[in-house]
Amino acid sequence: MTPPGVQRYLRRATVLLAPAPARRVRAELHGHLYQSMLDAHVQGLTEEEAWATALNAAGSALPAALRLARVHTLGHILRGLLVLGALGGAAYAIQGNHPLQPTHVEVHP
């Protein structure tokens, strides 16, 4: 059974993610924490001490949450902004309210 402190860490580390990626990332993080706990447990720590060691090695959940959000959401945000920009440009192009002004150049010898 996963201790409540580990469950809290997993929730905090994935709080900025959408539900589907959050579930996948939580599962992966849990696997890493579990392996760290097993490594510490094999070295003679109790299971409780081993979980605490694993959490300590993982670091704070807030920086992890920010890094995970950047990895899992920044690409979607940038794609959305590009699509909005393209749609705005297309709307402006078909609007037809912008007169074309002929450009002429006077040449004097």
N, C-alpha and C. Protein backbone atom coordinates (compact mmCIF):
# COMPACT_ATOMS: atom_id res chain seq x y z
N MET A 1 0.85 -1.19 0.00
CA MET A 1 0.00 0.00 0.00
C MET A 1 0.89 1.25 0.00
N THR A 2 0.50 2.21 -0.79
CA THR A 2 1.26 3.45 -0.89
C THR A 2 0.92 4.36 0.29
N PRO A 3 1.91 4.81 1.02
CA PRO A 3 1.66 5.69 2.17
C PRO A 3 0.99 7.00 1.76
N PRO A 4 0.22 7.60 2.67
CA PRO A 4 -0.46 8.87 2.36
C PRO A 4 0.50 9.98 1.94
N GLY A 5 1.69 10.03 2.51
CA GLY A 5 2.66 11.07 2.14
C GLY A 5 3.09 10.95 0.69
N VAL A 6 3.21 9.73 0.21
CA VAL A 6 3.59 9.49 -1.18
C VAL A 6 2.42 9.87 -2.09
N GLN A 7 1.20 9.52 -1.70
CA GLN A 7 0.03 9.89 -2.49
C GLN A 7 -0.10 11.41 -2.59
N ARG A 8 0.16 12.11 -1.47
CA ARG A 8 0.13 13.58 -1.48
C ARG A 8 1.17 14.13 -2.44
N TYR A 9 2.38 13.58 -2.38
CA TYR A 9 3.45 14.03 -3.27
C TYR A 9 3.04 13.85 -4.73
N LEU A 10 2.49 12.70 -5.07
CA LEU A 10 2.08 12.42 -6.44
C LEU A 10 0.99 13.39 -6.91
N ARG A 11 0.03 13.68 -6.03
CA ARG A 11 -1.03 14.65 -6.38
C ARG A 11 -0.45 16.03 -6.60
N ARG A 12 0.43 16.46 -5.69
CA ARG A 12 1.02 17.80 -5.80
C ARG A 12 1.91 17.93 -7.03
N ALA A 13 2.64 16.89 -7.36
CA ALA A 13 3.54 16.95 -8.51
C ALA A 13 2.80 16.98 -9.84
N THR A 14 1.54 16.53 -9.84
CA THR A 14 0.78 16.48 -11.09
C THR A 14 -0.43 17.41 -11.09
N VAL A 15 -0.48 18.31 -10.15
CA VAL A 15 -1.64 19.18 -10.00
C VAL A 15 -1.87 20.08 -11.22
N LEU A 16 -0.84 20.43 -11.96
CA LEU A 16 -0.97 21.34 -13.09
C LEU A 16 -1.26 20.64 -14.42
N LEU A 17 -1.40 19.32 -14.38
CA LEU A 17 -1.61 18.55 -15.60
C LEU A 17 -3.09 18.23 -15.80
N ALA A 18 -3.45 18.03 -17.05
CA ALA A 18 -4.81 17.56 -17.37
C ALA A 18 -4.96 16.14 -16.82
N PRO A 19 -6.20 15.69 -16.62
CA PRO A 19 -6.42 14.39 -15.97
C PRO A 19 -5.72 13.19 -16.63
N ALA A 20 -5.79 13.05 -17.94
CA ALA A 20 -5.18 11.88 -18.60
C ALA A 20 -3.66 11.87 -18.45
N PRO A 21 -2.96 12.96 -18.79
CA PRO A 21 -1.51 12.94 -18.58
C PRO A 21 -1.15 12.82 -17.10
N ALA A 22 -1.95 13.39 -16.23
CA ALA A 22 -1.66 13.33 -14.80
C ALA A 22 -1.65 11.88 -14.32
N ARG A 23 -2.60 11.08 -14.78
CA ARG A 23 -2.65 9.67 -14.38
C ARG A 23 -1.40 8.92 -14.85
N ARG A 24 -1.00 9.16 -16.10
CA ARG A 24 0.19 8.49 -16.64
C ARG A 24 1.45 8.92 -15.88
N VAL A 25 1.57 10.22 -15.63
CA VAL A 25 2.75 10.74 -14.95
C VAL A 25 2.79 10.27 -13.51
N ARG A 26 1.62 10.25 -12.84
CA ARG A 26 1.57 9.74 -11.47
C ARG A 26 2.04 8.29 -11.41
N ALA A 27 1.61 7.49 -12.37
CA ALA A 27 2.02 6.08 -12.40
C ALA A 27 3.54 5.96 -12.58
N GLU A 28 4.08 6.78 -13.48
CA GLU A 28 5.52 6.72 -13.71
C GLU A 28 6.30 7.21 -12.49
N LEU A 29 5.84 8.32 -11.90
CA LEU A 29 6.50 8.83 -10.69
C LEU A 29 6.42 7.81 -9.56
N HIS A 30 5.27 7.18 -9.43
CA HIS A 30 5.11 6.17 -8.38
C HIS A 30 6.11 5.04 -8.59
N GLY A 31 6.30 4.62 -9.84
CA GLY A 31 7.26 3.57 -10.13
C GLY A 31 8.67 3.96 -9.73
N HIS A 32 9.04 5.21 -10.02
CA HIS A 32 10.37 5.68 -9.63
C HIS A 32 10.53 5.74 -8.11
N LEU A 33 9.50 6.28 -7.45
CA LEU A 33 9.55 6.36 -5.99
C LEU A 33 9.59 4.96 -5.37
N TYR A 34 8.81 4.04 -5.93
CA TYR A 34 8.78 2.68 -5.41
C TYR A 34 10.15 2.02 -5.54
N GLN A 35 10.80 2.22 -6.70
CA GLN A 35 12.12 1.64 -6.90
C GLN A 35 13.13 2.25 -5.92
N SER A 36 13.04 3.56 -5.71
CA SER A 36 13.92 4.21 -4.73
C SER A 36 13.68 3.66 -3.33
N MET A 37 12.39 3.44 -3.01
CA MET A 37 12.06 2.88 -1.70
C MET A 37 12.64 1.48 -1.57
N LEU A 38 12.52 0.67 -2.61
CA LEU A 38 13.07 -0.69 -2.55
C LEU A 38 14.58 -0.67 -2.38
N ASP A 39 15.25 0.23 -3.09
CA ASP A 39 16.70 0.35 -2.96
C ASP A 39 17.09 0.69 -1.52
N ALA A 40 16.36 1.62 -0.92
CA ALA A 40 16.65 2.01 0.46
C ALA A 40 16.29 0.87 1.43
N HIS A 41 15.22 0.16 1.13
CA HIS A 41 14.77 -0.94 2.00
C HIS A 41 15.80 -2.07 1.99
N VAL A 42 16.37 -2.35 0.83
CA VAL A 42 17.38 -3.40 0.72
C VAL A 42 18.63 -3.04 1.52
N GLN A 43 18.87 -1.76 1.70
CA GLN A 43 20.04 -1.31 2.46
C GLN A 43 19.81 -1.36 3.97
N GLY A 44 18.67 -1.88 4.37
CA GLY A 44 18.44 -2.09 5.79
C GLY A 44 17.45 -1.15 6.45
N LEU A 45 16.90 -0.20 5.72
CA LEU A 45 15.91 0.71 6.32
C LEU A 45 14.56 0.01 6.42
N THR A 46 13.76 0.44 7.37
CA THR A 46 12.39 -0.06 7.44
C THR A 46 11.63 0.50 6.23
N GLU A 47 10.48 -0.08 5.96
CA GLU A 47 9.71 0.39 4.80
C GLU A 47 9.33 1.86 4.95
N GLU A 48 8.94 2.25 6.14
CA GLU A 48 8.57 3.64 6.39
C GLU A 48 9.77 4.57 6.17
N GLU A 49 10.92 4.18 6.68
CA GLU A 49 12.14 4.98 6.49
C GLU A 49 12.54 5.01 5.01
N ALA A 50 12.34 3.89 4.34
CA ALA A 50 12.70 3.80 2.93
C ALA A 50 11.82 4.72 2.08
N TRP A 51 10.52 4.78 2.39
CA TRP A 51 9.63 5.71 1.66
C TRP A 51 10.05 7.15 1.93
N ALA A 52 10.38 7.45 3.17
CA ALA A 52 10.82 8.82 3.51
C ALA A 52 12.10 9.17 2.75
N THR A 53 13.01 8.21 2.64
CA THR A 53 14.25 8.43 1.90
C THR A 53 13.95 8.67 0.42
N ALA A 54 13.03 7.90 -0.13
CA ALA A 54 12.66 8.05 -1.55
C ALA A 54 12.04 9.43 -1.81
N LEU A 55 11.16 9.86 -0.91
CA LEU A 55 10.55 11.19 -1.07
C LEU A 55 11.60 12.29 -0.93
N ASN A 56 12.50 12.12 0.01
CA ASN A 56 13.55 13.11 0.20
C ASN A 56 14.43 13.22 -1.05
N ALA A 57 14.75 12.08 -1.65
CA ALA A 57 15.57 12.06 -2.86
C ALA A 57 14.84 12.68 -4.04
N ALA A 58 13.51 12.57 -4.06
CA ALA A 58 12.72 13.12 -5.17
C ALA A 58 12.68 14.64 -5.13
N GLY A 59 12.83 15.22 -3.96
CA GLY A 59 12.80 16.67 -3.85
C GLY A 59 11.38 17.20 -3.70
N SER A 60 11.28 18.51 -3.74
CA SER A 60 10.00 19.18 -3.55
C SER A 60 9.05 18.92 -4.72
N ALA A 61 7.77 18.84 -4.41
CA ALA A 61 6.76 18.57 -5.44
C ALA A 61 6.52 19.80 -6.32
N LEU A 62 6.68 21.01 -5.80
CA LEU A 62 6.38 22.21 -6.59
C LEU A 62 7.30 22.35 -7.80
N PRO A 63 8.63 22.28 -7.65
CA PRO A 63 9.48 22.35 -8.85
C PRO A 63 9.18 21.22 -9.83
N ALA A 64 8.89 20.04 -9.30
CA ALA A 64 8.54 18.91 -10.17
C ALA A 64 7.26 19.22 -10.94
N ALA A 65 6.27 19.79 -10.26
CA ALA A 65 5.01 20.13 -10.92
C ALA A 65 5.23 21.15 -12.04
N LEU A 66 6.06 22.14 -11.80
CA LEU A 66 6.34 23.16 -12.83
C LEU A 66 7.07 22.55 -14.03
N ARG A 67 8.04 21.69 -13.77
CA ARG A 67 8.76 21.04 -14.87
C ARG A 67 7.82 20.12 -15.66
N LEU A 68 7.00 19.37 -14.96
CA LEU A 68 6.07 18.47 -15.64
C LEU A 68 5.04 19.26 -16.47
N ALA A 69 4.56 20.37 -15.93
CA ALA A 69 3.61 21.19 -16.67
C ALA A 69 4.26 21.74 -17.94
N ARG A 70 5.51 22.17 -17.82
CA ARG A 70 6.20 22.70 -18.99
C ARG A 70 6.33 21.62 -20.06
N VAL A 71 6.68 20.43 -19.66
CA VAL A 71 6.87 19.34 -20.61
C VAL A 71 5.55 18.89 -21.23
N HIS A 72 4.50 18.79 -20.41
CA HIS A 72 3.26 18.19 -20.88
C HIS A 72 2.22 19.17 -21.38
N THR A 73 2.39 20.49 -21.16
CA THR A 73 1.36 21.42 -21.61
C THR A 73 1.89 22.53 -22.51
N LEU A 74 3.17 22.85 -22.44
CA LEU A 74 3.69 23.96 -23.22
C LEU A 74 3.52 23.73 -24.72
N GLY A 75 3.77 22.53 -25.19
CA GLY A 75 3.60 22.22 -26.61
C GLY A 75 2.17 22.46 -27.07
N HIS A 76 1.19 22.07 -26.25
CA HIS A 76 -0.22 22.27 -26.60
C HIS A 76 -0.55 23.76 -26.65
N ILE A 77 -0.02 24.51 -25.71
CA ILE A 77 -0.29 25.95 -25.66
C ILE A 77 0.30 26.63 -26.89
N LEU A 78 1.54 26.29 -27.22
CA LEU A 78 2.17 26.90 -28.39
C LEU A 78 1.44 26.54 -29.68
N ARG A 79 1.02 25.29 -29.82
CA ARG A 79 0.25 24.89 -31.00
C ARG A 79 -1.07 25.67 -31.07
N GLY A 80 -1.71 25.83 -29.94
CA GLY A 80 -2.96 26.59 -29.90
C GLY A 80 -2.75 28.04 -30.31
N LEU A 81 -1.69 28.65 -29.82
CA LEU A 81 -1.40 30.03 -30.19
C LEU A 81 -1.09 30.16 -31.68
N LEU A 82 -0.37 29.20 -32.23
CA LEU A 82 -0.08 29.23 -33.67
C LEU A 82 -1.36 29.09 -34.50
N VAL A 83 -2.24 28.20 -34.08
CA VAL A 83 -3.51 28.03 -34.80
C VAL A 83 -4.34 29.31 -34.71
N LEU A 84 -4.40 29.91 -33.52
CA LEU A 84 -5.16 31.15 -33.37
C LEU A 84 -4.56 32.25 -34.24
N GLY A 85 -3.25 32.34 -34.30
CA GLY A 85 -2.61 33.34 -35.15
C GLY A 85 -2.92 33.12 -36.62
N ALA A 86 -2.88 31.87 -37.05
CA ALA A 86 -3.19 31.56 -38.44
C ALA A 86 -4.65 31.88 -38.76
N LEU A 87 -5.55 31.54 -37.85
CA LEU A 87 -6.96 31.86 -38.07
C LEU A 87 -7.20 33.37 -38.11
N GLY A 88 -6.52 34.08 -37.23
CA GLY A 88 -6.65 35.54 -37.23
C GLY A 88 -6.13 36.14 -38.53
N GLY A 89 -5.01 35.65 -39.02
CA GLY A 89 -4.47 36.13 -40.29
C GLY A 89 -5.40 35.80 -41.45
N ALA A 90 -5.96 34.61 -41.45
CA ALA A 90 -6.89 34.23 -42.51
C ALA A 90 -8.15 35.09 -42.45
N ALA A 91 -8.64 35.34 -41.26
CA ALA A 91 -9.85 36.18 -41.13
C ALA A 91 -9.57 37.59 -41.63
N TYR A 92 -8.41 38.11 -41.33
CA TYR A 92 -8.05 39.44 -41.80
C TYR A 92 -7.93 39.46 -43.32
N ALA A 93 -7.36 38.40 -43.88
CA ALA A 93 -7.16 38.34 -45.33
C ALA A 93 -8.48 38.27 -46.09
N ILE A 94 -9.45 37.54 -45.57
CA ILE A 94 -10.72 37.41 -46.29
C ILE A 94 -11.72 38.51 -45.95
N GLN A 95 -11.40 39.30 -44.97
CA GLN A 95 -12.31 40.37 -44.55
C GLN A 95 -12.51 41.37 -45.68
N GLY A 96 -11.48 41.73 -46.39
CA GLY A 96 -11.61 42.61 -47.54
C GLY A 96 -11.74 44.07 -47.23
N ASN A 97 -11.60 44.50 -46.02
CA ASN A 97 -11.75 45.91 -45.66
C ASN A 97 -10.43 46.68 -45.71
N HIS A 98 -9.41 46.08 -46.14
CA HIS A 98 -8.14 46.78 -46.18
C HIS A 98 -7.82 47.10 -47.64
N PRO A 99 -7.87 48.38 -47.99
CA PRO A 99 -7.64 48.76 -49.39
C PRO A 99 -6.18 48.57 -49.76
N LEU A 100 -6.01 48.13 -50.99
CA LEU A 100 -4.65 48.01 -51.50
C LEU A 100 -4.25 49.35 -52.07
N GLN A 101 -3.19 49.88 -51.62
CA GLN A 101 -2.72 51.16 -52.11
C GLN A 101 -1.60 50.90 -53.10
N PRO A 102 -1.77 51.42 -54.31
CA PRO A 102 -0.70 51.21 -55.27
C PRO A 102 0.55 51.94 -54.83
N THR A 103 1.62 51.32 -55.08
CA THR A 103 2.89 51.93 -54.73
C THR A 103 3.52 52.43 -56.01
N HIS A 104 3.86 53.70 -56.02
CA HIS A 104 4.56 54.21 -57.19
C HIS A 104 5.81 54.93 -56.74
N VAL A 105 6.77 54.84 -57.57
CA VAL A 105 8.06 55.45 -57.26
C VAL A 105 8.36 56.48 -58.32
N GLU A 106 8.66 57.64 -57.87
CA GLU A 106 9.05 58.69 -58.81
C GLU A 106 10.55 58.65 -58.98
N VAL A 107 10.96 58.68 -60.24
CA VAL A 107 12.39 58.67 -60.53
C VAL A 107 12.74 59.98 -61.19
N HIS A 108 13.68 60.68 -60.65
CA HIS A 108 14.15 61.94 -61.21
C HIS A 108 15.60 61.77 -61.63
N PRO A 109 15.90 62.19 -62.86
CA PRO A 109 17.29 62.06 -63.29
C PRO A 109 18.20 63.07 -62.63
